[in-house]
Amino acid sequence: MATAPAGGALPVYRWRLAPDGLATRRQLRAMGLRPGGQDVVAELRRPRRRRGPLVAYLYRIEAAKPVRPMTPGRWAALARANRARRICPACRRDAGYVIPAALGACVPCASPT
């Protein structure tokens, strides 16, 4: 996570009232950009009842860098990771879906009855 500027606290804006030229990580990603190592310049706060506010950090759009492209090695690593999430640890078969963490095994192994 990026750090706050040395001068003090970050400016805080209410939800949907951020100035032009600033965006959250998700908004940058939707534009095909990434923060690229820049520091957080402000934060958004959305009040909630009975809990603390939701906080989103803002970055400068003009300082953002393009998203790095996926390489063949990254695609292969992602495919291996997703395949591992489908293998049942109890029966060692490919379940055809991601094994729920709450069950810890495929549905037939988790509830044999």
Protein backbone atom coordinates (compact mmCIF):
# COMPACT_ATOMS: atom_id res chain seq x y z
CA MET A 1 0.00 0.00 0.00
CA ALA A 2 1.27 3.45 -0.81
CA THR A 3 2.08 5.87 1.97
CA ALA A 4 0.64 9.28 2.81
CA PRO A 5 2.57 12.40 1.86
CA ALA A 6 5.03 13.70 4.45
CA GLY A 7 3.14 17.01 4.82
CA GLY A 8 0.28 15.54 6.87
CA ALA A 9 -3.11 13.95 6.48
CA LEU A 10 -4.72 13.11 3.16
CA PRO A 11 -7.62 15.17 1.82
CA VAL A 12 -10.93 13.37 2.40
CA TYR A 13 -13.85 13.54 -0.03
CA ARG A 14 -17.37 12.23 0.38
CA TRP A 15 -18.52 9.36 -1.81
CA ARG A 16 -19.05 10.37 -5.47
CA LEU A 17 -17.63 13.86 -4.86
CA ALA A 18 -13.99 13.34 -5.81
CA PRO A 19 -12.47 15.95 -8.12
CA ASP A 20 -11.71 15.18 -11.76
CA GLY A 21 -8.31 13.66 -12.41
CA LEU A 22 -8.44 11.26 -9.44
CA ALA A 23 -9.55 7.63 -9.53
CA THR A 24 -9.65 4.52 -7.35
CA ARG A 25 -7.74 1.34 -8.22
CA ARG A 26 -10.87 -0.20 -9.73
CA GLN A 27 -11.55 2.86 -11.83
CA LEU A 28 -7.95 2.88 -13.03
CA ARG A 29 -8.19 -0.80 -13.92
CA ALA A 30 -11.38 -0.18 -15.91
CA MET A 31 -9.39 2.40 -17.91
CA GLY A 32 -6.58 -0.10 -18.50
CA LEU A 33 -4.27 1.62 -16.01
CA ARG A 34 -2.56 0.86 -12.69
CA PRO A 35 -1.23 3.18 -9.94
CA GLY A 36 2.34 2.40 -10.97
CA GLY A 37 4.02 3.05 -7.62
CA GLN A 38 2.58 6.50 -7.02
CA ASP A 39 1.48 7.54 -3.54
CA VAL A 40 -2.15 7.86 -2.50
CA VAL A 41 -3.21 11.50 -2.96
CA ALA A 42 -6.65 11.47 -1.28
CA GLU A 43 -9.33 9.19 0.07
CA LEU A 44 -13.06 8.75 -0.35
CA ARG A 45 -15.28 7.95 2.60
CA ARG A 46 -18.75 6.53 2.47
CA PRO A 47 -20.61 6.57 5.80
CA ARG A 48 -22.35 3.39 6.94
CA ARG A 49 -24.78 2.70 9.74
CA ARG A 50 -23.50 0.81 12.77
CA ARG A 51 -20.02 0.35 11.26
CA GLY A 52 -17.05 2.44 10.28
CA PRO A 53 -17.06 4.21 6.91
CA LEU A 54 -15.97 2.53 3.69
CA VAL A 55 -12.68 4.03 2.55
CA ALA A 56 -11.29 4.09 -0.99
CA TYR A 57 -7.91 5.55 -1.88
CA LEU A 58 -7.51 7.90 -4.84
CA TYR A 59 -4.63 8.13 -7.31
CA ARG A 60 -3.76 10.65 -10.04
CA ILE A 61 -4.90 9.46 -13.47
CA GLU A 62 -2.13 11.31 -15.33
CA ALA A 63 0.55 9.58 -13.23
CA ALA A 64 -0.94 6.10 -13.76
CA LYS A 65 0.81 3.58 -15.99
CA PRO A 66 -0.66 1.05 -18.41
CA VAL A 67 -1.53 -2.40 -17.09
CA ARG A 68 1.20 -4.94 -17.76
CA PRO A 69 0.15 -7.49 -20.40
CA MET A 70 -0.28 -11.14 -19.50
CA THR A 71 2.66 -13.24 -20.69
CA PRO A 72 2.38 -16.90 -21.70
CA GLY A 73 4.09 -17.85 -18.41
CA ARG A 74 1.53 -15.88 -16.38
CA TRP A 75 -1.36 -17.47 -18.29
CA ALA A 76 0.10 -20.94 -17.59
CA ALA A 77 0.57 -20.16 -13.88
CA LEU A 78 -3.01 -18.89 -13.62
CA ALA A 79 -4.33 -22.04 -15.33
CA ARG A 80 -2.35 -24.26 -12.90
CA ALA A 81 -3.65 -22.32 -9.88
CA ASN A 82 -7.27 -22.57 -11.04
CA ARG A 83 -6.87 -26.29 -11.80
CA ALA A 84 -5.48 -26.86 -8.28
CA ARG A 85 -8.56 -25.19 -6.78
CA ARG A 86 -10.79 -27.73 -8.57
CA ILE A 87 -8.97 -30.86 -7.28
CA CYS A 88 -10.70 -32.46 -4.28
CA PRO A 89 -8.18 -33.22 -1.48
CA ALA A 90 -10.25 -36.23 -0.35
CA CYS A 91 -10.82 -38.14 -3.61
CA ARG A 92 -8.13 -36.39 -5.76
CA ARG A 93 -10.58 -35.94 -8.68
CA ASP A 94 -11.27 -32.79 -10.69
CA ALA A 95 -14.67 -31.63 -9.41
CA GLY A 96 -15.30 -29.40 -12.43
CA TYR A 97 -15.84 -26.38 -10.17
CA VAL A 98 -13.85 -24.52 -7.52
CA ILE A 99 -14.03 -26.44 -4.24
CA PRO A 100 -15.77 -24.25 -1.60
CA ALA A 101 -13.41 -23.41 1.24
CA ALA A 102 -16.23 -23.93 3.74
CA LEU A 103 -16.60 -27.56 2.64
CA GLY A 104 -12.92 -28.31 2.10
CA ALA A 105 -13.84 -31.09 -0.36
CA CYS A 106 -16.11 -31.69 -3.33
CA VAL A 107 -19.83 -31.94 -2.57
CA PRO A 108 -20.03 -35.79 -2.78
CA CYS A 109 -17.07 -36.14 -0.38
CA ALA A 110 -18.31 -33.43 2.00
CA SER A 111 -21.82 -34.87 2.31
CA PRO A 112 -21.73 -38.60 1.50
CA THR A 113 -25.37 -39.20 2.46
